[in-house]
Amino acid sequence: MTKKIEFTDRAKEEIEKIINEDQLKKFFRISVKGGGCSGFKYDFSFDNKIDNKDIVFGKAIIDITSLDIISGSTIDFKKEMIGESFVINNPKATSSCGCGLSFSV
């Protein structure tokens, strides 16, 4: 089974913009960590290296364990009145909290 993640044009543009503004930020890292009010939470950060357990999607990197959980998802970047953020539409999530960063599978 192929591990697939889609990035909207808005997400790609924002990742490129942030990386181009700071020479120390070479990759946008997406990971899933235990915790949050629903069991798992998304974590977005920047990194300057790729680990041997990372899968590369353009300028984004996702470790294989996190990719198993979010495979099939779409990554978007939203600008709203309350702020800006990356958003993951994960079809495997069975529930999520109001913040949109915490979920369960």
Protein backbone atom coordinates (compact mmCIF):
# COMPACT_ATOMS: atom_id res chain seq x y z
CA MET A 1 0.00 0.00 0.00
CA THR A 2 1.39 3.37 -1.02
CA LYS A 3 1.67 6.00 1.65
CA LYS A 4 0.12 9.11 0.19
CA ILE A 5 -0.25 12.66 1.43
CA GLU A 6 -1.70 15.54 -0.57
CA PHE A 7 -0.69 19.17 -0.10
CA THR A 8 -2.94 21.98 -1.27
CA ASP A 9 -1.36 24.79 -3.26
CA ARG A 10 -1.84 27.11 -0.25
CA ALA A 11 0.10 24.71 2.00
CA LYS A 12 2.93 24.32 -0.54
CA GLU A 13 3.18 28.10 -0.97
CA GLU A 14 3.30 28.74 2.78
CA ILE A 15 5.94 26.05 3.35
CA GLU A 16 8.10 27.52 0.57
CA LYS A 17 7.62 31.05 1.93
CA ILE A 18 8.68 30.11 5.47
CA ILE A 19 11.66 28.05 4.31
CA ASN A 20 12.85 30.79 1.97
CA GLU A 21 12.74 33.36 4.80
CA ASP A 22 15.09 31.40 7.09
CA GLN A 23 18.22 29.58 5.88
CA LEU A 24 18.17 27.29 8.96
CA LYS A 25 14.75 25.92 8.04
CA LYS A 26 15.22 23.48 5.19
CA PHE A 27 12.28 21.12 5.71
CA PHE A 28 8.75 21.33 7.11
CA ARG A 29 8.35 18.41 9.52
CA ILE A 30 4.94 16.89 10.18
CA SER A 31 4.65 14.36 12.98
CA VAL A 32 2.04 12.72 15.17
CA LYS A 33 2.64 12.57 18.90
CA GLY A 34 0.74 10.93 21.72
CA GLY A 35 -1.27 13.33 23.83
CA GLY A 36 -3.79 16.05 23.32
CA CYS A 37 -7.37 15.78 24.46
CA SER A 38 -8.26 13.08 21.90
CA GLY A 39 -5.23 10.73 22.10
CA PHE A 40 -2.95 12.00 19.32
CA LYS A 41 -1.87 15.45 18.26
CA TYR A 42 -0.31 16.86 15.12
CA ASP A 43 3.05 18.55 15.46
CA PHE A 44 4.42 20.99 12.89
CA SER A 45 8.03 22.10 13.04
CA PHE A 46 11.02 22.84 10.85
CA ASP A 47 14.21 20.84 10.54
CA ASN A 48 17.49 21.13 8.70
CA LYS A 49 18.09 17.39 8.29
CA ILE A 50 16.36 14.26 7.09
CA ASP A 51 16.46 11.17 9.31
CA ASN A 52 16.65 7.65 7.89
CA LYS A 53 13.01 7.01 8.95
CA ASP A 54 11.68 10.10 7.15
CA ILE A 55 9.72 10.13 3.92
CA VAL A 56 10.19 13.26 1.79
CA PHE A 57 7.28 15.07 0.11
CA GLY A 58 8.94 18.01 -1.64
CA LYS A 59 9.99 20.37 1.18
CA ALA A 60 7.98 18.41 3.78
CA ILE A 61 9.20 15.39 5.75
CA ILE A 62 7.16 12.89 7.73
CA ASP A 63 8.55 10.05 9.82
CA ILE A 64 7.26 6.62 8.81
CA THR A 65 5.37 6.04 12.08
CA SER A 66 3.46 9.31 11.72
CA LEU A 67 2.87 8.61 8.05
CA ASP A 68 1.13 5.34 8.92
CA ILE A 69 -1.38 7.35 10.97
CA ILE A 70 -1.96 10.20 8.51
CA SER A 71 -1.59 8.41 5.18
CA GLY A 72 -4.41 9.50 2.87
CA SER A 73 -4.63 12.96 4.45
CA THR A 74 -4.66 16.38 2.85
CA ILE A 75 -2.48 19.14 4.31
CA ASP A 76 -3.85 22.67 3.92
CA PHE A 77 -2.98 26.14 5.19
CA LYS A 78 -5.89 28.27 6.37
CA LYS A 79 -6.06 31.97 7.13
CA GLU A 80 -9.00 32.86 9.32
CA MET A 81 -9.95 35.75 11.58
CA ILE A 82 -8.62 33.87 14.62
CA GLY A 83 -5.26 33.18 12.99
CA GLU A 84 -3.33 31.15 10.46
CA SER A 85 -2.48 27.47 10.70
CA PHE A 86 -1.69 24.28 8.87
CA VAL A 87 -4.63 21.89 8.93
CA ILE A 88 -4.69 18.14 8.31
CA ASN A 89 -7.83 16.54 6.90
CA ASN A 90 -7.24 12.96 8.07
CA PRO A 91 -9.82 10.42 6.85
CA LYS A 92 -8.56 7.93 9.47
CA ALA A 93 -9.47 10.25 12.38
CA THR A 94 -12.59 8.95 14.10
CA SER A 95 -12.94 12.03 16.29
CA SER A 96 -11.14 15.30 16.93
CA CYS A 97 -11.30 18.15 19.39
CA GLY A 98 -12.30 21.72 18.70
CA CYS A 99 -8.73 22.92 18.17
CA GLY A 100 -8.28 20.58 15.19
CA LEU A 101 -4.81 19.50 16.34
CA SER A 102 -5.89 16.59 18.54
CA PHE A 103 -7.58 13.46 17.20
CA SER A 104 -8.16 9.76 17.68
CA VAL A 105 -8.06 6.88 15.19
